[in-house]
Amino acid sequence: SAGCQRASQQAAADQAPEIAAALAIEPDPAVVGPANLAVTLTDASGAPVEGASVSLKGDMSHAGMAPVLAEASGAGGVYQAQWMWTMAGDWFITITATLPDGRTLMRRFDLTVARS
């Protein structure tokens, strides 16, 4: 089925399943307007993953919305990005990180943005 095929492609896109990725949003809960997003990457032993190149893409669950894009930077395994929630509704954030060893990590987070 298409569903199984999509899942396998998704799994193939994430080459670092042992790396944990957490997304923190400020303010939380999310409201329309400026925000700060922080991605924390930790390895299997819980140590911070430094030196990754992290980008974020925000899409709304309905079509026709321009995605929100941001590059994150930071130290100590925490990568921060300035963000703008452009509309209220259901969003999903895709985190793509190029790790120091060259592998690509991909994770998706779903959330709802409220009206301010």
N, C-alpha and C. Protein backbone atom coordinates (compact mmCIF):
# COMPACT_ATOMS: atom_id res chain seq x y z
N SER A 1 0.84 -1.20 0.00
CA SER A 1 0.00 0.00 0.00
C SER A 1 0.87 1.25 0.00
N ALA A 2 0.26 2.35 -0.39
CA ALA A 2 0.99 3.62 -0.43
C ALA A 2 1.47 3.99 0.97
N GLY A 3 0.67 3.65 1.99
CA GLY A 3 1.04 4.00 3.36
C GLY A 3 2.33 3.34 3.78
N CYS A 4 2.46 2.05 3.45
CA CYS A 4 3.70 1.34 3.83
C CYS A 4 4.88 1.92 3.09
N GLN A 5 4.69 2.21 1.80
CA GLN A 5 5.76 2.75 1.00
C GLN A 5 6.22 4.09 1.57
N ARG A 6 5.26 4.93 1.96
CA ARG A 6 5.59 6.24 2.49
C ARG A 6 6.38 6.10 3.79
N ALA A 7 5.98 5.16 4.62
CA ALA A 7 6.67 4.97 5.90
C ALA A 7 8.12 4.54 5.67
N SER A 8 8.34 3.66 4.69
CA SER A 8 9.70 3.19 4.46
C SER A 8 10.58 4.31 3.90
N GLN A 9 10.00 5.15 3.05
CA GLN A 9 10.77 6.28 2.53
C GLN A 9 11.11 7.25 3.66
N GLN A 10 10.15 7.44 4.56
CA GLN A 10 10.36 8.34 5.69
C GLN A 10 11.50 7.80 6.56
N ALA A 11 11.47 6.49 6.82
CA ALA A 11 12.49 5.87 7.65
C ALA A 11 13.87 6.01 6.98
N ALA A 12 13.89 5.85 5.67
CA ALA A 12 15.16 5.95 4.95
C ALA A 12 15.71 7.37 5.03
N ALA A 13 14.82 8.35 5.10
CA ALA A 13 15.27 9.74 5.14
C ALA A 13 15.97 10.05 6.47
N ASP A 14 15.56 9.35 7.55
CA ASP A 14 16.18 9.57 8.85
C ASP A 14 17.28 8.53 9.04
N GLN A 15 18.52 8.99 8.96
CA GLN A 15 19.66 8.07 9.02
C GLN A 15 20.23 7.94 10.43
N ALA A 16 19.60 8.57 11.41
CA ALA A 16 20.17 8.60 12.76
C ALA A 16 19.09 8.29 13.80
N PRO A 17 18.49 7.08 13.73
CA PRO A 17 17.38 6.78 14.63
C PRO A 17 17.78 6.78 16.11
N GLU A 18 19.07 6.60 16.39
CA GLU A 18 19.49 6.54 17.80
C GLU A 18 19.67 7.92 18.42
N ILE A 19 19.65 8.98 17.58
CA ILE A 19 19.77 10.34 18.11
C ILE A 19 18.38 10.82 18.52
N ALA A 20 18.27 11.32 19.75
CA ALA A 20 17.00 11.86 20.21
C ALA A 20 16.91 13.33 19.86
N ALA A 21 15.75 13.74 19.36
CA ALA A 21 15.51 15.15 19.02
C ALA A 21 14.29 15.62 19.79
N ALA A 22 14.45 16.71 20.53
CA ALA A 22 13.33 17.30 21.27
C ALA A 22 13.13 18.72 20.79
N LEU A 23 11.86 19.13 20.71
CA LEU A 23 11.52 20.47 20.26
C LEU A 23 10.85 21.21 21.40
N ALA A 24 11.40 22.36 21.77
CA ALA A 24 10.79 23.22 22.78
C ALA A 24 10.40 24.54 22.12
N ILE A 25 9.22 25.03 22.48
CA ILE A 25 8.66 26.23 21.86
C ILE A 25 8.39 27.27 22.94
N GLU A 26 8.81 28.49 22.66
CA GLU A 26 8.58 29.60 23.58
C GLU A 26 7.95 30.74 22.79
N PRO A 27 6.79 31.29 23.12
CA PRO A 27 5.94 30.85 24.25
C PRO A 27 5.25 29.51 23.98
N ASP A 28 4.90 28.83 25.05
CA ASP A 28 4.23 27.55 25.00
C ASP A 28 3.02 27.62 25.92
N PRO A 29 1.81 27.36 25.46
CA PRO A 29 1.45 26.88 24.12
C PRO A 29 1.65 27.94 23.04
N ALA A 30 1.81 27.45 21.81
CA ALA A 30 2.11 28.32 20.69
C ALA A 30 0.93 29.23 20.36
N VAL A 31 1.21 30.51 20.10
CA VAL A 31 0.20 31.45 19.62
C VAL A 31 0.75 32.17 18.40
N VAL A 32 -0.16 32.71 17.58
CA VAL A 32 0.25 33.42 16.37
C VAL A 32 1.19 34.57 16.75
N GLY A 33 2.31 34.69 15.99
CA GLY A 33 3.27 35.75 16.25
C GLY A 33 4.67 35.19 16.39
N PRO A 34 5.61 36.03 16.85
CA PRO A 34 7.00 35.60 16.95
C PRO A 34 7.17 34.56 18.05
N ALA A 35 8.13 33.68 17.85
CA ALA A 35 8.41 32.61 18.80
C ALA A 35 9.88 32.25 18.73
N ASN A 36 10.33 31.48 19.71
CA ASN A 36 11.68 30.91 19.70
C ASN A 36 11.53 29.40 19.75
N LEU A 37 12.18 28.72 18.81
CA LEU A 37 12.17 27.26 18.79
C LEU A 37 13.55 26.76 19.16
N ALA A 38 13.60 25.76 20.03
CA ALA A 38 14.88 25.18 20.44
C ALA A 38 14.83 23.68 20.20
N VAL A 39 15.81 23.19 19.45
CA VAL A 39 15.93 21.76 19.16
C VAL A 39 17.11 21.23 19.98
N THR A 40 16.85 20.20 20.79
CA THR A 40 17.91 19.57 21.57
C THR A 40 18.21 18.20 20.98
N LEU A 41 19.46 17.98 20.62
CA LEU A 41 19.89 16.70 20.06
C LEU A 41 20.78 15.98 21.06
N THR A 42 20.45 14.74 21.37
CA THR A 42 21.28 13.95 22.28
C THR A 42 21.50 12.57 21.68
N ASP A 43 22.68 12.01 21.94
CA ASP A 43 23.00 10.70 21.38
C ASP A 43 22.45 9.59 22.29
N ALA A 44 22.75 8.35 21.92
CA ALA A 44 22.18 7.20 22.63
C ALA A 44 22.58 7.18 24.11
N SER A 45 23.72 7.77 24.44
CA SER A 45 24.17 7.80 25.83
C SER A 45 23.67 9.03 26.58
N GLY A 46 22.91 9.89 25.89
CA GLY A 46 22.37 11.09 26.52
C GLY A 46 23.28 12.30 26.42
N ALA A 47 24.40 12.16 25.72
CA ALA A 47 25.33 13.28 25.57
C ALA A 47 24.84 14.21 24.46
N PRO A 48 25.06 15.54 24.61
CA PRO A 48 24.63 16.47 23.57
C PRO A 48 25.37 16.24 22.26
N VAL A 49 24.66 16.40 21.16
CA VAL A 49 25.26 16.30 19.83
C VAL A 49 25.60 17.72 19.38
N GLU A 50 26.90 18.02 19.35
CA GLU A 50 27.35 19.36 18.94
C GLU A 50 27.76 19.35 17.48
N GLY A 51 27.79 20.54 16.88
CA GLY A 51 28.32 20.69 15.53
C GLY A 51 27.39 20.22 14.44
N ALA A 52 26.10 20.05 14.75
CA ALA A 52 25.16 19.68 13.70
C ALA A 52 24.67 20.95 13.00
N SER A 53 24.20 20.78 11.78
CA SER A 53 23.59 21.87 11.03
C SER A 53 22.09 21.61 11.01
N VAL A 54 21.32 22.46 11.69
CA VAL A 54 19.91 22.19 11.93
C VAL A 54 19.03 23.20 11.21
N SER A 55 18.05 22.71 10.46
CA SER A 55 17.07 23.60 9.85
C SER A 55 15.67 23.12 10.19
N LEU A 56 14.74 24.06 10.22
CA LEU A 56 13.36 23.77 10.58
C LEU A 56 12.44 24.24 9.46
N LYS A 57 11.38 23.48 9.23
CA LYS A 57 10.38 23.84 8.24
C LYS A 57 9.01 23.64 8.87
N GLY A 58 8.19 24.66 8.82
CA GLY A 58 6.85 24.56 9.37
C GLY A 58 5.81 24.60 8.27
N ASP A 59 4.93 23.61 8.27
CA ASP A 59 3.83 23.55 7.30
C ASP A 59 2.51 23.45 8.05
N MET A 60 1.47 24.02 7.46
CA MET A 60 0.14 23.81 8.01
C MET A 60 -0.44 22.54 7.40
N SER A 61 -1.37 21.93 8.13
CA SER A 61 -1.91 20.65 7.67
C SER A 61 -2.80 20.81 6.45
N HIS A 62 -3.29 22.04 6.18
CA HIS A 62 -4.04 22.23 4.94
C HIS A 62 -3.14 22.85 3.87
N ALA A 63 -3.45 22.55 2.63
CA ALA A 63 -2.58 22.97 1.52
C ALA A 63 -2.67 24.47 1.27
N GLY A 64 -1.74 24.97 0.48
CA GLY A 64 -1.80 26.34 0.02
C GLY A 64 -1.16 27.36 0.94
N MET A 65 -0.52 26.89 2.00
CA MET A 65 0.18 27.80 2.92
C MET A 65 1.66 27.79 2.58
N ALA A 66 2.26 28.97 2.53
CA ALA A 66 3.71 29.02 2.35
C ALA A 66 4.37 28.48 3.63
N PRO A 67 5.36 27.59 3.50
CA PRO A 67 6.01 27.08 4.70
C PRO A 67 6.84 28.16 5.38
N VAL A 68 7.04 27.99 6.67
CA VAL A 68 7.94 28.84 7.44
C VAL A 68 9.27 28.10 7.55
N LEU A 69 10.37 28.80 7.24
CA LEU A 69 11.69 28.18 7.25
C LEU A 69 12.61 28.92 8.21
N ALA A 70 13.48 28.19 8.88
CA ALA A 70 14.46 28.83 9.76
C ALA A 70 15.68 27.94 9.90
N GLU A 71 16.82 28.58 10.07
CA GLU A 71 18.05 27.86 10.41
C GLU A 71 18.27 28.04 11.91
N ALA A 72 18.72 26.97 12.56
CA ALA A 72 18.95 27.02 14.00
C ALA A 72 20.44 26.98 14.28
N SER A 73 20.87 27.70 15.31
CA SER A 73 22.27 27.65 15.69
C SER A 73 22.36 27.59 17.21
N GLY A 74 23.49 27.11 17.71
CA GLY A 74 23.63 27.04 19.15
C GLY A 74 24.82 26.21 19.57
N ALA A 75 24.89 25.96 20.86
CA ALA A 75 25.99 25.20 21.43
C ALA A 75 25.44 24.25 22.48
N GLY A 76 26.23 23.28 22.85
CA GLY A 76 25.83 22.35 23.89
C GLY A 76 24.70 21.43 23.48
N GLY A 77 24.55 21.23 22.17
CA GLY A 77 23.52 20.34 21.68
C GLY A 77 22.14 20.97 21.60
N VAL A 78 22.03 22.28 21.90
CA VAL A 78 20.75 22.99 21.81
C VAL A 78 20.85 24.01 20.68
N TYR A 79 19.93 23.89 19.71
CA TYR A 79 19.96 24.72 18.52
C TYR A 79 18.70 25.59 18.52
N GLN A 80 18.87 26.91 18.51
CA GLN A 80 17.75 27.85 18.64
C GLN A 80 17.50 28.57 17.31
N ALA A 81 16.23 28.85 17.09
CA ALA A 81 15.84 29.58 15.87
C ALA A 81 14.75 30.57 16.21
N GLN A 82 14.84 31.76 15.60
CA GLN A 82 13.74 32.72 15.65
C GLN A 82 12.66 32.23 14.70
N TRP A 83 11.41 32.36 15.11
CA TRP A 83 10.32 31.75 14.36
C TRP A 83 9.15 32.71 14.30
N MET A 84 8.26 32.49 13.33
CA MET A 84 7.04 33.28 13.24
C MET A 84 5.88 32.34 12.88
N TRP A 85 4.93 32.23 13.82
CA TRP A 85 3.69 31.51 13.51
C TRP A 85 2.80 32.48 12.74
N THR A 86 2.51 32.16 11.49
CA THR A 86 1.79 33.09 10.62
C THR A 86 0.29 32.95 10.72
N MET A 87 -0.20 31.80 11.17
CA MET A 87 -1.63 31.56 11.26
C MET A 87 -1.94 30.60 12.40
N ALA A 88 -3.16 30.72 12.93
CA ALA A 88 -3.63 29.74 13.90
C ALA A 88 -4.05 28.47 13.16
N GLY A 89 -3.92 27.34 13.86
CA GLY A 89 -4.36 26.07 13.27
C GLY A 89 -3.36 24.96 13.54
N ASP A 90 -3.51 23.87 12.81
CA ASP A 90 -2.66 22.70 13.00
C ASP A 90 -1.42 22.80 12.11
N TRP A 91 -0.27 22.67 12.74
CA TRP A 91 1.02 22.76 12.05
C TRP A 91 1.80 21.47 12.25
N PHE A 92 2.72 21.22 11.33
CA PHE A 92 3.76 20.24 11.64
C PHE A 92 5.12 20.82 11.30
N ILE A 93 6.05 20.57 12.20
CA ILE A 93 7.42 21.07 12.07
C ILE A 93 8.30 19.90 11.66
N THR A 94 9.05 20.07 10.58
CA THR A 94 10.03 19.07 10.18
C THR A 94 11.42 19.60 10.53
N ILE A 95 12.13 18.82 11.34
CA ILE A 95 13.51 19.16 11.71
C ILE A 95 14.44 18.32 10.86
N THR A 96 15.36 18.98 10.18
CA THR A 96 16.38 18.28 9.40
C THR A 96 17.74 18.71 9.95
N ALA A 97 18.54 17.74 10.35
CA ALA A 97 19.86 18.05 10.91
C ALA A 97 20.91 17.24 10.17
N THR A 98 21.95 17.93 9.70
CA THR A 98 23.11 17.24 9.17
C THR A 98 24.09 17.07 10.32
N LEU A 99 24.35 15.83 10.67
CA LEU A 99 25.19 15.53 11.83
C LEU A 99 26.67 15.64 11.46
N PRO A 100 27.53 15.79 12.47
CA PRO A 100 28.97 15.91 12.19
C PRO A 100 29.52 14.73 11.38
N ASP A 101 28.91 13.54 11.54
CA ASP A 101 29.41 12.38 10.78
C ASP A 101 28.81 12.29 9.38
N GLY A 102 28.01 13.31 9.00
CA GLY A 102 27.50 13.36 7.64
C GLY A 102 26.12 12.76 7.45
N ARG A 103 25.61 12.07 8.48
CA ARG A 103 24.27 11.50 8.35
C ARG A 103 23.21 12.59 8.50
N THR A 104 22.02 12.30 7.98
CA THR A 104 20.91 13.24 8.07
C THR A 104 19.87 12.70 9.04
N LEU A 105 19.49 13.55 10.01
CA LEU A 105 18.41 13.24 10.94
C LEU A 105 17.17 13.98 10.48
N MET A 106 16.02 13.31 10.49
CA MET A 106 14.76 13.96 10.13
C MET A 106 13.70 13.57 11.13
N ARG A 107 13.03 14.56 11.70
CA ARG A 107 11.96 14.30 12.66
C ARG A 107 10.80 15.26 12.40
N ARG A 108 9.60 14.81 12.76
CA ARG A 108 8.40 15.63 12.57
C ARG A 108 7.68 15.78 13.90
N PHE A 109 7.24 17.01 14.18
CA PHE A 109 6.47 17.31 15.38
C PHE A 109 5.18 17.99 14.96
N ASP A 110 4.07 17.54 15.54
CA ASP A 110 2.77 18.12 15.23
C ASP A 110 2.32 19.00 16.41
N LEU A 111 1.76 20.16 16.10
CA LEU A 111 1.24 21.00 17.17
C LEU A 111 0.14 21.92 16.65
N THR A 112 -0.59 22.49 17.57
CA THR A 112 -1.66 23.42 17.23
C THR A 112 -1.28 24.81 17.72
N VAL A 113 -1.43 25.80 16.85
CA VAL A 113 -1.14 27.18 17.17
C VAL A 113 -2.46 27.90 17.42
N ALA A 114 -2.54 28.60 18.55
CA ALA A 114 -3.78 29.30 18.91
C ALA A 114 -3.74 30.74 18.40
N ARG A 115 -4.92 31.35 18.31
CA ARG A 115 -4.97 32.78 18.00
C ARG A 115 -4.42 33.54 19.17
N SER A 116 -3.71 34.64 18.88
CA SER A 116 -3.09 35.40 19.97
C SER A 116 -4.14 36.27 20.68
